[in-house]
Amino acid sequence: MLVTSTPRRRLATAAAATCLLAGLAGCSPARTNLPYAASDGIRASVADVSVANLLVLASDYGRNGRVLAAFSNSGASPADLAISIPSGTLEPTTTTLEPGESINFNASKALLV
């Protein structure tokens, strides 16, 4: 016996598949609404000062490296920023971030540790 597909059967199958997919999509959480660090660095914040993409880049474990990060002040008043390493291998760096100001320690302006 040869079974042939009719336009009505194809339409019903397509409608059922569409409803099933729409139901599954509605049940899954939207992962893009959750904050995450989209790079190798980490994110943190203290009061109105936030740091993004913080990492230490070194040629090997235990070797000297560079601190790379971006700091920003989202507050309405200046914020003092002090960066130091517990081992004491970095001279403490201090600066004041004005309201709305950002500072970026990148490859050309990195802190050496």
PDB file of N, CA and C in Angstrom:
ATOM      1  N   MET A   1       0.841  -1.166   0.000  1.00  0.00           N
ATOM      2  CA  MET A   1       0.000   0.000   0.000  1.00  0.00           C
ATOM      3  C   MET A   1       0.892   1.237   0.000  1.00  0.00           C
ATOM      4  N   LEU A   2       0.646   2.137  -0.882  1.00  0.00           N
ATOM      5  CA  LEU A   2       1.413   3.366  -1.043  1.00  0.00           C
ATOM      6  C   LEU A   2       0.704   4.486  -0.302  1.00  0.00           C
ATOM      7  N   VAL A   3       1.440   5.148   0.639  1.00  0.00           N
ATOM      8  CA  VAL A   3       0.865   6.252   1.397  1.00  0.00           C
ATOM      9  C   VAL A   3       1.362   7.544   0.776  1.00  0.00           C
ATOM     10  N   THR A   4       0.453   8.383   0.418  1.00  0.00           N
ATOM     11  CA  THR A   4       0.831   9.680  -0.157  1.00  0.00           C
ATOM     12  C   THR A   4       0.464  10.775   0.829  1.00  0.00           C
ATOM     13  N   SER A   5       1.226  11.829   0.779  1.00  0.00           N
ATOM     14  CA  SER A   5       0.999  12.957   1.667  1.00  0.00           C
ATOM     15  C   SER A   5       0.070  13.943   0.991  1.00  0.00           C
ATOM     16  N   THR A   6      -0.909  14.367   1.742  1.00  0.00           N
ATOM     17  CA  THR A   6      -1.831  15.361   1.204  1.00  0.00           C
ATOM     18  C   THR A   6      -1.439  16.730   1.736  1.00  0.00           C
ATOM     19  N   PRO A   7      -1.815  17.786   1.038  1.00  0.00           N
ATOM     20  CA  PRO A   7      -1.502  19.127   1.526  1.00  0.00           C
ATOM     21  C   PRO A   7      -2.062  19.381   2.927  1.00  0.00           C
ATOM     22  N   ARG A   8      -3.229  18.831   3.230  1.00  0.00           N
ATOM     23  CA  ARG A   8      -3.838  19.032   4.550  1.00  0.00           C
ATOM     24  C   ARG A   8      -2.990  18.356   5.636  1.00  0.00           C
ATOM     25  N   ARG A   9      -2.490  17.152   5.356  1.00  0.00           N
ATOM     26  CA  ARG A   9      -1.663  16.433   6.326  1.00  0.00           C
ATOM     27  C   ARG A   9      -0.325  17.162   6.537  1.00  0.00           C
ATOM     28  N   ARG A  10       0.271  17.655   5.474  1.00  0.00           N
ATOM     29  CA  ARG A  10       1.527  18.398   5.601  1.00  0.00           C
ATOM     30  C   ARG A  10       1.333  19.677   6.417  1.00  0.00           C
ATOM     31  N   LEU A  11       0.240  20.370   6.187  1.00  0.00           N
ATOM     32  CA  LEU A  11      -0.057  21.590   6.918  1.00  0.00           C
ATOM     33  C   LEU A  11      -0.270  21.296   8.402  1.00  0.00           C
ATOM     34  N   ALA A  12      -0.972  20.216   8.711  1.00  0.00           N
ATOM     35  CA  ALA A  12      -1.212  19.843  10.108  1.00  0.00           C
ATOM     36  C   ALA A  12       0.100  19.468  10.797  1.00  0.00           C
ATOM     37  N   THR A  13       0.961  18.755  10.104  1.00  0.00           N
ATOM     38  CA  THR A  13       2.257  18.370  10.668  1.00  0.00           C
ATOM     39  C   THR A  13       3.118  19.603  10.926  1.00  0.00           C
ATOM     40  N   ALA A  14       3.148  20.532   9.985  1.00  0.00           N
ATOM     41  CA  ALA A  14       3.928  21.757  10.155  1.00  0.00           C
ATOM     42  C   ALA A  14       3.383  22.593  11.314  1.00  0.00           C
ATOM     43  N   ALA A  15       2.065  22.673  11.445  1.00  0.00           N
ATOM     44  CA  ALA A  15       1.455  23.436  12.534  1.00  0.00           C
ATOM     45  C   ALA A  15       1.779  22.794  13.883  1.00  0.00           C
ATOM     46  N   ALA A  16       1.727  21.481  13.968  1.00  0.00           N
ATOM     47  CA  ALA A  16       2.039  20.788  15.218  1.00  0.00           C
ATOM     48  C   ALA A  16       3.508  20.983  15.594  1.00  0.00           C
ATOM     49  N   ALA A  17       4.395  20.905  14.625  1.00  0.00           N
ATOM     50  CA  ALA A  17       5.821  21.107  14.895  1.00  0.00           C
ATOM     51  C   ALA A  17       6.084  22.536  15.352  1.00  0.00           C
ATOM     52  N   THR A  18       5.428  23.502  14.744  1.00  0.00           N
ATOM     53  CA  THR A  18       5.586  24.899  15.136  1.00  0.00           C
ATOM     54  C   THR A  18       5.113  25.124  16.566  1.00  0.00           C
ATOM     55  N   CYS A  19       3.979  24.559  16.927  1.00  0.00           N
ATOM     56  CA  CYS A  19       3.465  24.703  18.289  1.00  0.00           C
ATOM     57  C   CYS A  19       4.395  24.044  19.299  1.00  0.00           C
ATOM     58  N   LEU A  20       4.923  22.883  18.962  1.00  0.00           N
ATOM     59  CA  LEU A  20       5.845  22.187  19.854  1.00  0.00           C
ATOM     60  C   LEU A  20       7.113  23.009  20.074  1.00  0.00           C
ATOM     61  N   LEU A  21       7.700  23.536  19.004  1.00  0.00           N
ATOM     62  CA  LEU A  21       8.912  24.344  19.129  1.00  0.00           C
ATOM     63  C   LEU A  21       8.652  25.639  19.894  1.00  0.00           C
ATOM     64  N   ALA A  22       7.526  26.263  19.661  1.00  0.00           N
ATOM     65  CA  ALA A  22       7.192  27.494  20.384  1.00  0.00           C
ATOM     66  C   ALA A  22       7.024  27.203  21.872  1.00  0.00           C
ATOM     67  N   GLY A  23       6.418  26.071  22.206  1.00  0.00           N
ATOM     68  CA  GLY A  23       6.258  25.688  23.604  1.00  0.00           C
ATOM     69  C   GLY A  23       7.588  25.425  24.275  1.00  0.00           C
ATOM     70  N   LEU A  24       8.493  24.758  23.592  1.00  0.00           N
ATOM     71  CA  LEU A  24       9.814  24.494  24.156  1.00  0.00           C
ATOM     72  C   LEU A  24      10.614  25.775  24.331  1.00  0.00           C
ATOM     73  N   ALA A  25      10.534  26.679  23.383  1.00  0.00           N
ATOM     74  CA  ALA A  25      11.271  27.943  23.480  1.00  0.00           C
ATOM     75  C   ALA A  25      10.748  28.791  24.633  1.00  0.00           C
ATOM     76  N   GLY A  26       9.463  28.745  24.898  1.00  0.00           N
ATOM     77  CA  GLY A  26       8.889  29.517  25.990  1.00  0.00           C
ATOM     78  C   GLY A  26       9.259  28.985  27.359  1.00  0.00           C
ATOM     79  N   CYS A  27       9.611  27.725  27.445  1.00  0.00           N
ATOM     80  CA  CYS A  27       9.950  27.108  28.734  1.00  0.00           C
ATOM     81  C   CYS A  27      11.416  27.276  29.113  1.00  0.00           C
ATOM     82  N   SER A  28      12.253  27.620  28.166  1.00  0.00           N
ATOM     83  CA  SER A  28      13.684  27.718  28.475  1.00  0.00           C
ATOM     84  C   SER A  28      14.022  29.131  28.947  1.00  0.00           C
ATOM     85  N   PRO A  29      14.918  29.247  29.958  1.00  0.00           N
ATOM     86  CA  PRO A  29      15.291  30.588  30.443  1.00  0.00           C
ATOM     87  C   PRO A  29      16.172  31.315  29.427  1.00  0.00           C
ATOM     88  N   ALA A  30      16.047  32.619  29.406  1.00  0.00           N
ATOM     89  CA  ALA A  30      16.863  33.438  28.498  1.00  0.00           C
ATOM     90  C   ALA A  30      18.226  33.652  29.142  1.00  0.00           C
ATOM     91  N   ARG A  31      19.231  32.943  28.717  1.00  0.00           N
ATOM     92  CA  ARG A  31      20.561  33.022  29.309  1.00  0.00           C
ATOM     93  C   ARG A  31      21.227  34.374  29.051  1.00  0.00           C
ATOM     94  N   THR A  32      20.814  35.088  28.030  1.00  0.00           N
ATOM     95  CA  THR A  32      21.438  36.372  27.727  1.00  0.00           C
ATOM     96  C   THR A  32      21.040  37.454  28.709  1.00  0.00           C
ATOM     97  N   ASN A  33      20.038  37.211  29.556  1.00  0.00           N
ATOM     98  CA  ASN A  33      19.629  38.194  30.555  1.00  0.00           C
ATOM     99  C   ASN A  33      20.480  38.128  31.813  1.00  0.00           C
ATOM    100  N   LEU A  34      21.338  37.126  31.936  1.00  0.00           N
ATOM    101  CA  LEU A  34      22.176  36.972  33.115  1.00  0.00           C
ATOM    102  C   LEU A  34      23.539  37.590  32.870  1.00  0.00           C
ATOM    103  N   PRO A  35      24.047  38.403  33.804  1.00  0.00           N
ATOM    104  CA  PRO A  35      25.380  38.996  33.600  1.00  0.00           C
ATOM    105  C   PRO A  35      26.470  37.924  33.671  1.00  0.00           C
ATOM    106  N   TYR A  36      27.476  38.063  32.842  1.00  0.00           N
ATOM    107  CA  TYR A  36      28.592  37.128  32.839  1.00  0.00           C
ATOM    108  C   TYR A  36      29.816  37.817  32.271  1.00  0.00           C
ATOM    109  N   ALA A  37      30.979  37.282  32.563  1.00  0.00           N
ATOM    110  CA  ALA A  37      32.233  37.808  32.016  1.00  0.00           C
ATOM    111  C   ALA A  37      32.452  37.125  30.672  1.00  0.00           C
ATOM    112  N   ALA A  38      32.337  37.874  29.616  1.00  0.00           N
ATOM    113  CA  ALA A  38      32.412  37.294  28.275  1.00  0.00           C
ATOM    114  C   ALA A  38      33.843  37.187  27.760  1.00  0.00           C
ATOM    115  N   SER A  39      34.792  37.217  28.643  1.00  0.00           N
ATOM    116  CA  SER A  39      36.193  37.114  28.233  1.00  0.00           C
ATOM    117  C   SER A  39      36.944  36.280  29.256  1.00  0.00           C
ATOM    118  N   ASP A  40      38.254  36.308  29.198  1.00  0.00           N
ATOM    119  CA  ASP A  40      39.057  35.523  30.124  1.00  0.00           C
ATOM    120  C   ASP A  40      39.168  36.168  31.493  1.00  0.00           C
ATOM    121  N   GLY A  41      38.921  37.442  31.604  1.00  0.00           N
ATOM    122  CA  GLY A  41      39.047  38.141  32.879  1.00  0.00           C
ATOM    123  C   GLY A  41      37.817  37.970  33.748  1.00  0.00           C
ATOM    124  N   ILE A  42      37.847  38.599  34.924  1.00  0.00           N
ATOM    125  CA  ILE A  42      36.715  38.539  35.839  1.00  0.00           C
ATOM    126  C   ILE A  42      36.096  39.925  36.003  1.00  0.00           C
ATOM    127  N   ARG A  43      34.886  39.960  36.533  1.00  0.00           N
ATOM    128  CA  ARG A  43      34.178  41.208  36.809  1.00  0.00           C
ATOM    129  C   ARG A  43      33.972  41.328  38.304  1.00  0.00           C
ATOM    130  N   ALA A  44      33.983  42.553  38.796  1.00  0.00           N
ATOM    131  CA  ALA A  44      33.715  42.801  40.214  1.00  0.00           C
ATOM    132  C   ALA A  44      33.268  44.245  40.364  1.00  0.00           C
ATOM    133  N   SER A  45      32.676  44.540  41.519  1.00  0.00           N
ATOM    134  CA  SER A  45      32.314  45.927  41.811  1.00  0.00           C
ATOM    135  C   SER A  45      32.339  46.145  43.312  1.00  0.00           C
ATOM    136  N   VAL A  46      32.713  47.358  43.684  1.00  0.00           N
ATOM    137  CA  VAL A  46      32.700  47.804  45.073  1.00  0.00           C
ATOM    138  C   VAL A  46      32.063  49.187  45.052  1.00  0.00           C
ATOM    139  N   ALA A  47      30.937  49.302  45.719  1.00  0.00           N
ATOM    140  CA  ALA A  47      30.161  50.543  45.722  1.00  0.00           C
ATOM    141  C   ALA A  47      29.886  50.954  44.268  1.00  0.00           C
ATOM    142  N   ASP A  48      30.303  52.150  43.859  1.00  0.00           N
ATOM    143  CA  ASP A  48      30.030  52.634  42.505  1.00  0.00           C
ATOM    144  C   ASP A  48      31.168  52.346  41.528  1.00  0.00           C
ATOM    145  N   VAL A  49      32.230  51.723  41.993  1.00  0.00           N
ATOM    146  CA  VAL A  49      33.376  51.423  41.120  1.00  0.00           C
ATOM    147  C   VAL A  49      33.278  49.973  40.660  1.00  0.00           C
ATOM    148  N   SER A  50      33.370  49.780  39.352  1.00  0.00           N
ATOM    149  CA  SER A  50      33.337  48.425  38.813  1.00  0.00           C
ATOM    150  C   SER A  50      34.611  48.159  38.031  1.00  0.00           C
ATOM    151  N   VAL A  51      34.996  46.902  38.014  1.00  0.00           N
ATOM    152  CA  VAL A  51      36.167  46.470  37.257  1.00  0.00           C
ATOM    153  C   VAL A  51      35.697  45.402  36.283  1.00  0.00           C
ATOM    154  N   ALA A  52      36.199  45.488  35.066  1.00  0.00           N
ATOM    155  CA  ALA A  52      35.842  44.517  34.035  1.00  0.00           C
ATOM    156  C   ALA A  52      37.108  43.943  33.413  1.00  0.00           C
ATOM    157  N   ASN A  53      37.041  42.680  33.091  1.00  0.00           N
ATOM    158  CA  ASN A  53      38.112  41.990  32.372  1.00  0.00           C
ATOM    159  C   ASN A  53      39.443  42.031  33.130  1.00  0.00           C
ATOM    160  N   LEU A  54      39.388  41.854  34.440  1.00  0.00           N
ATOM    161  CA  LEU A  54      40.596  41.864  35.268  1.00  0.00           C
ATOM    162  C   LEU A  54      41.328  40.534  35.117  1.00  0.00           C
ATOM    163  N   LEU A  55      42.582  40.611  34.732  1.00  0.00           N
ATOM    164  CA  LEU A  55      43.401  39.411  34.640  1.00  0.00           C
ATOM    165  C   LEU A  55      44.871  39.768  34.735  1.00  0.00           C
ATOM    166  N   VAL A  56      45.667  38.787  35.091  1.00  0.00           N
ATOM    167  CA  VAL A  56      47.119  38.938  35.104  1.00  0.00           C
ATOM    168  C   VAL A  56      47.650  38.063  33.983  1.00  0.00           C
ATOM    169  N   LEU A  57      48.383  38.666  33.078  1.00  0.00           N
ATOM    170  CA  LEU A  57      48.927  37.963  31.925  1.00  0.00           C
ATOM    171  C   LEU A  57      50.418  37.752  32.147  1.00  0.00           C
ATOM    172  N   ALA A  58      50.838  36.482  32.188  1.00  0.00           N
ATOM    173  CA  ALA A  58      52.238  36.150  32.435  1.00  0.00           C
ATOM    174  C   ALA A  58      52.655  35.023  31.501  1.00  0.00           C
ATOM    175  N   SER A  59      53.969  34.885  31.294  1.00  0.00           N
ATOM    176  CA  SER A  59      54.459  33.848  30.392  1.00  0.00           C
ATOM    177  C   SER A  59      54.376  32.457  31.019  1.00  0.00           C
ATOM    178  N   ASP A  60      54.345  32.379  32.354  1.00  0.00           N
ATOM    179  CA  ASP A  60      54.256  31.090  33.029  1.00  0.00           C
ATOM    180  C   ASP A  60      53.806  31.330  34.465  1.00  0.00           C
ATOM    181  N   TYR A  61      53.312  30.301  35.120  1.00  0.00           N
ATOM    182  CA  TYR A  61      52.867  30.404  36.501  1.00  0.00           C
ATOM    183  C   TYR A  61      54.045  30.801  37.396  1.00  0.00           C
ATOM    184  N   GLY A  62      53.811  31.798  38.267  1.00  0.00           N
ATOM    185  CA  GLY A  62      54.855  32.254  39.166  1.00  0.00           C
ATOM    186  C   GLY A  62      55.815  33.265  38.569  1.00  0.00           C
ATOM    187  N   ARG A  63      55.633  33.594  37.296  1.00  0.00           N
ATOM    188  CA  ARG A  63      56.498  34.582  36.636  1.00  0.00           C
ATOM    189  C   ARG A  63      55.880  35.963  36.738  1.00  0.00           C
ATOM    190  N   ASN A  64      56.688  36.988  36.479  1.00  0.00           N
ATOM    191  CA  ASN A  64      56.164  38.349  36.439  1.00  0.00           C
ATOM    192  C   ASN A  64      55.170  38.476  35.294  1.00  0.00           C
ATOM    193  N   GLY A  65      54.220  39.373  35.458  1.00  0.00           N
ATOM    194  CA  GLY A  65      53.209  39.551  34.427  1.00  0.00           C
ATOM    195  C   GLY A  65      52.664  40.960  34.414  1.00  0.00           C
ATOM    196  N   ARG A  66      51.578  41.135  33.698  1.00  0.00           N
ATOM    197  CA  ARG A  66      50.914  42.432  33.557  1.00  0.00           C
ATOM    198  C   ARG A  66      49.481  42.322  34.060  1.00  0.00           C
ATOM    199  N   VAL A  67      49.058  43.318  34.824  1.00  0.00           N
ATOM    200  CA  VAL A  67      47.669  43.399  35.260  1.00  0.00           C
ATOM    201  C   VAL A  67      46.913  44.177  34.194  1.00  0.00           C
ATOM    202  N   LEU A  68      45.893  43.566  33.627  1.00  0.00           N
ATOM    203  CA  LEU A  68      45.058  44.199  32.614  1.00  0.00           C
ATOM    204  C   LEU A  68      43.640  44.312  33.181  1.00  0.00           C
ATOM    205  N   ALA A  69      43.028  45.478  33.048  1.00  0.00           N
ATOM    206  CA  ALA A  69      41.676  45.670  33.572  1.00  0.00           C
ATOM    207  C   ALA A  69      41.129  47.017  33.134  1.00  0.00           C
ATOM    208  N   ALA A  70      39.830  47.161  33.274  1.00  0.00           N
ATOM    209  CA  ALA A  70      39.159  48.443  33.046  1.00  0.00           C
ATOM    210  C   ALA A  70      38.350  48.764  34.302  1.00  0.00           C
ATOM    211  N   PHE A  71      38.540  49.959  34.848  1.00  0.00           N
ATOM    212  CA  PHE A  71      37.837  50.413  36.039  1.00  0.00           C
ATOM    213  C   PHE A  71      36.944  51.581  35.650  1.00  0.00           C
ATOM    214  N   SER A  72      35.749  51.648  36.218  1.00  0.00           N
ATOM    215  CA  SER A  72      34.862  52.778  35.933  1.00  0.00           C
ATOM    216  C   SER A  72      34.073  53.162  37.181  1.00  0.00           C
ATOM    217  N   ASN A  73      33.769  54.454  37.271  1.00  0.00           N
ATOM    218  CA  ASN A  73      33.021  55.007  38.390  1.00  0.00           C
ATOM    219  C   ASN A  73      31.653  55.449  37.881  1.00  0.00           C
ATOM    220  N   SER A  74      30.610  54.754  38.313  1.00  0.00           N
ATOM    221  CA  SER A  74      29.255  55.109  37.888  1.00  0.00           C
ATOM    222  C   SER A  74      28.543  55.991  38.914  1.00  0.00           C
ATOM    223  N   GLY A  75      29.249  56.396  39.960  1.00  0.00           N
ATOM    224  CA  GLY A  75      28.650  57.204  41.016  1.00  0.00           C
ATOM    225  C   GLY A  75      28.617  58.684  40.695  1.00  0.00           C
ATOM    226  N   ALA A  76      28.071  59.452  41.633  1.00  0.00           N
ATOM    227  CA  ALA A  76      27.953  60.898  41.469  1.00  0.00           C
ATOM    228  C   ALA A  76      29.092  61.655  42.138  1.00  0.00           C
ATOM    229  N   SER A  77      29.982  60.930  42.822  1.00  0.00           N
ATOM    230  CA  SER A  77      31.106  61.589  43.487  1.00  0.00           C
ATOM    231  C   SER A  77      32.408  60.865  43.142  1.00  0.00           C
ATOM    232  N   PRO A  78      33.552  61.542  43.302  1.00  0.00           N
ATOM    233  CA  PRO A  78      34.833  60.907  42.997  1.00  0.00           C
ATOM    234  C   PRO A  78      35.065  59.671  43.882  1.00  0.00           C
ATOM    235  N   ALA A  79      35.807  58.721  43.353  1.00  0.00           N
ATOM    236  CA  ALA A  79      36.127  57.495  44.090  1.00  0.00           C
ATOM    237  C   ALA A  79      37.631  57.269  44.041  1.00  0.00           C
ATOM    238  N   ASP A  80      38.218  56.977  45.204  1.00  0.00           N
ATOM    239  CA  ASP A  80      39.644  56.664  45.258  1.00  0.00           C
ATOM    240  C   ASP A  80      39.846  55.197  44.910  1.00  0.00           C
ATOM    241  N   LEU A  81      40.813  54.938  44.073  1.00  0.00           N
ATOM    242  CA  LEU A  81      41.116  53.583  43.620  1.00  0.00           C
ATOM    243  C   LEU A  81      42.550  53.260  44.009  1.00  0.00           C
ATOM    244  N   ALA A  82      42.741  52.154  44.713  1.00  0.00           N
ATOM    245  CA  ALA A  82      44.080  51.705  45.105  1.00  0.00           C
ATOM    246  C   ALA A  82      44.243  50.257  44.650  1.00  0.00           C
ATOM    247  N   ILE A  83      45.297  49.992  43.905  1.00  0.00           N
ATOM    248  CA  ILE A  83      45.557  48.649  43.384  1.00  0.00           C
ATOM    249  C   ILE A  83      46.874  48.166  43.964  1.00  0.00           C
ATOM    250  N   SER A  84      46.841  46.993  44.579  1.00  0.00           N
ATOM    251  CA  SER A  84      48.073  46.409  45.118  1.00  0.00           C
ATOM    252  C   SER A  84      47.962  44.892  45.045  1.00  0.00           C
ATOM    253  N   ILE A  85      49.089  44.240  45.161  1.00  0.00           N
ATOM    254  CA  ILE A  85      49.163  42.777  45.134  1.00  0.00           C
ATOM    255  C   ILE A  85      49.583  42.320  46.529  1.00  0.00           C
ATOM    256  N   PRO A  86      48.898  41.347  47.107  1.00  0.00           N
ATOM    257  CA  PRO A  86      49.243  40.922  48.469  1.00  0.00           C
ATOM    258  C   PRO A  86      50.706  40.514  48.648  1.00  0.00           C
ATOM    259  N   SER A  87      51.334  39.984  47.614  1.00  0.00           N
ATOM    260  CA  SER A  87      52.726  39.553  47.764  1.00  0.00           C
ATOM    261  C   SER A  87      53.684  40.735  47.857  1.00  0.00           C
ATOM    262  N   GLY A  88      53.196  41.941  47.551  1.00  0.00           N
ATOM    263  CA  GLY A  88      54.038  43.128  47.635  1.00  0.00           C
ATOM    264  C   GLY A  88      54.963  43.308  46.443  1.00  0.00           C
ATOM    265  N   THR A  89      54.741  42.568  45.347  1.00  0.00           N
ATOM    266  CA  THR A  89      55.605  42.684  44.175  1.00  0.00           C
ATOM    267  C   THR A  89      55.229  43.871  43.300  1.00  0.00           C
ATOM    268  N   LEU A  90      54.155  44.538  43.617  1.00  0.00           N
ATOM    269  CA  LEU A  90      53.704  45.698  42.852  1.00  0.00           C
ATOM    270  C   LEU A  90      53.648  46.897  43.782  1.00  0.00           C
ATOM    271  N   GLU A  91      54.298  47.975  43.373  1.00  0.00           N
ATOM    272  CA  GLU A  91      54.156  49.210  44.137  1.00  0.00           C
ATOM    273  C   GLU A  91      52.682  49.600  44.079  1.00  0.00           C
ATOM    274  N   PRO A  92      52.057  49.896  45.210  1.00  0.00           N
ATOM    275  CA  PRO A  92      50.637  50.257  45.180  1.00  0.00           C
ATOM    276  C   PRO A  92      50.384  51.415  44.219  1.00  0.00           C
ATOM    277  N   THR A  93      49.379  51.272  43.404  1.00  0.00           N
ATOM    278  CA  THR A  93      48.977  52.303  42.458  1.00  0.00           C
ATOM    279  C   THR A  93      47.693  52.928  42.962  1.00  0.00           C
ATOM    280  N   THR A  94      47.670  54.230  43.062  1.00  0.00           N
ATOM    281  CA  THR A  94      46.467  54.924  43.522  1.00  0.00           C
ATOM    282  C   THR A  94      46.085  55.994  42.512  1.00  0.00           C
ATOM    283  N   THR A  95      44.810  56.214  42.379  1.00  0.00           N
ATOM    284  CA  THR A  95      44.287  57.250  41.503  1.00  0.00           C
ATOM    285  C   THR A  95      42.872  57.585  41.955  1.00  0.00           C
ATOM    286  N   THR A  96      42.353  58.679  41.492  1.00  0.00           N
ATOM    287  CA  THR A  96      40.976  59.067  41.773  1.00  0.00           C
ATOM    288  C   THR A  96      40.179  59.002  40.489  1.00  0.00           C
ATOM    289  N   LEU A  97      39.068  58.296  40.540  1.00  0.00           N
ATOM    290  CA  LEU A  97      38.158  58.223  39.396  1.00  0.00           C
ATOM    291  C   LEU A  97      37.045  59.245  39.603  1.00  0.00           C
ATOM    292  N   GLU A  98      36.947  60.184  38.696  1.00  0.00           N
ATOM    293  CA  GLU A  98      35.878  61.173  38.760  1.00  0.00           C
ATOM    294  C   GLU A  98      34.554  60.513  38.358  1.00  0.00           C
ATOM    295  N   PRO A  99      33.418  61.121  38.708  1.00  0.00           N
ATOM    296  CA  PRO A  99      32.123  60.550  38.320  1.00  0.00           C
ATOM    297  C   PRO A  99      32.044  60.335  36.804  1.00  0.00           C
ATOM    298  N   GLY A 100      31.668  59.139  36.404  1.00  0.00           N
ATOM    299  CA  GLY A 100      31.551  58.804  34.986  1.00  0.00           C
ATOM    300  C   GLY A 100      32.866  58.492  34.301  1.00  0.00           C
ATOM    301  N   GLU A 101      33.975  58.574  35.017  1.00  0.00           N
ATOM    302  CA  GLU A 101      35.289  58.335  34.413  1.00  0.00           C
ATOM    303  C   GLU A 101      35.627  56.846  34.392  1.00  0.00           C
ATOM    304  N   SER A 102      36.379  56.460  33.386  1.00  0.00           N
ATOM    305  CA  SER A 102      36.893  55.097  33.266  1.00  0.00           C
ATOM    306  C   SER A 102      38.387  55.154  33.023  1.00  0.00           C
ATOM    307  N   ILE A 103      39.095  54.156  33.517  1.00  0.00           N
ATOM    308  CA  ILE A 103      40.525  54.039  33.266  1.00  0.00           C
ATOM    309  C   ILE A 103      40.766  52.606  32.798  1.00  0.00           C
ATOM    310  N   ASN A 104      41.626  52.473  31.811  1.00  0.00           N
ATOM    311  CA  ASN A 104      41.858  51.174  31.187  1.00  0.00           C
ATOM    312  C   ASN A 104      43.340  50.836  31.254  1.00  0.00           C
ATOM    313  N   PHE A 105      43.661  49.771  31.954  1.00  0.00           N
ATOM    314  CA  PHE A 105      45.025  49.247  31.946  1.00  0.00           C
ATOM    315  C   PHE A 105      45.056  48.163  30.875  1.00  0.00           C
ATOM    316  N   ASN A 106      45.647  48.482  29.727  1.00  0.00           N
ATOM    317  CA  ASN A 106      45.686  47.538  28.617  1.00  0.00           C
ATOM    318  C   ASN A 106      47.143  47.235  28.257  1.00  0.00           C
ATOM    319  N   ALA A 107      47.364  46.649  27.099  1.00  0.00           N
ATOM    320  CA  ALA A 107      48.712  46.238  26.708  1.00  0.00           C
ATOM    321  C   ALA A 107      49.691  47.406  26.674  1.00  0.00           C
ATOM    322  N   SER A 108      49.236  48.587  26.289  1.00  0.00           N
ATOM    323  CA  SER A 108      50.153  49.731  26.213  1.00  0.00           C
ATOM    324  C   SER A 108      50.268  50.483  27.548  1.00  0.00           C
ATOM    325  N   LYS A 109      49.310  50.267  28.453  1.00  0.00           N
ATOM    326  CA  LYS A 109      49.341  50.926  29.767  1.00  0.00           C
ATOM    327  C   LYS A 109      48.965  49.892  30.822  1.00  0.00           C
ATOM    328  N   ALA A 110      49.845  48.929  31.055  1.00  0.00           N
ATOM    329  CA  ALA A 110      49.563  47.851  32.007  1.00  0.00           C
ATOM    330  C   ALA A 110      50.359  48.054  33.285  1.00  0.00           C
ATOM    331  N   LEU A 111      49.887  47.447  34.356  1.00  0.00           N
ATOM    332  CA  LEU A 111      50.628  47.429  35.615  1.00  0.00           C
ATOM    333  C   LEU A 111      51.513  46.185  35.607  1.00  0.00           C
ATOM    334  N   LEU A 112      52.797  46.354  35.860  1.00  0.00           N
ATOM    335  CA  LEU A 112      53.712  45.216  35.883  1.00  0.00           C
ATOM    336  C   LEU A 112      53.774  44.629  37.274  1.00  0.00           C
ATOM    337  N   VAL A 113      53.675  43.304  37.350  1.00  0.00           N
ATOM    338  CA  VAL A 113      53.770  42.594  38.650  1.00  0.00           C
ATOM    339  C   VAL A 113      54.814  41.505  38.541  1.00  0.00           C
TER     340      VAL A 113
END
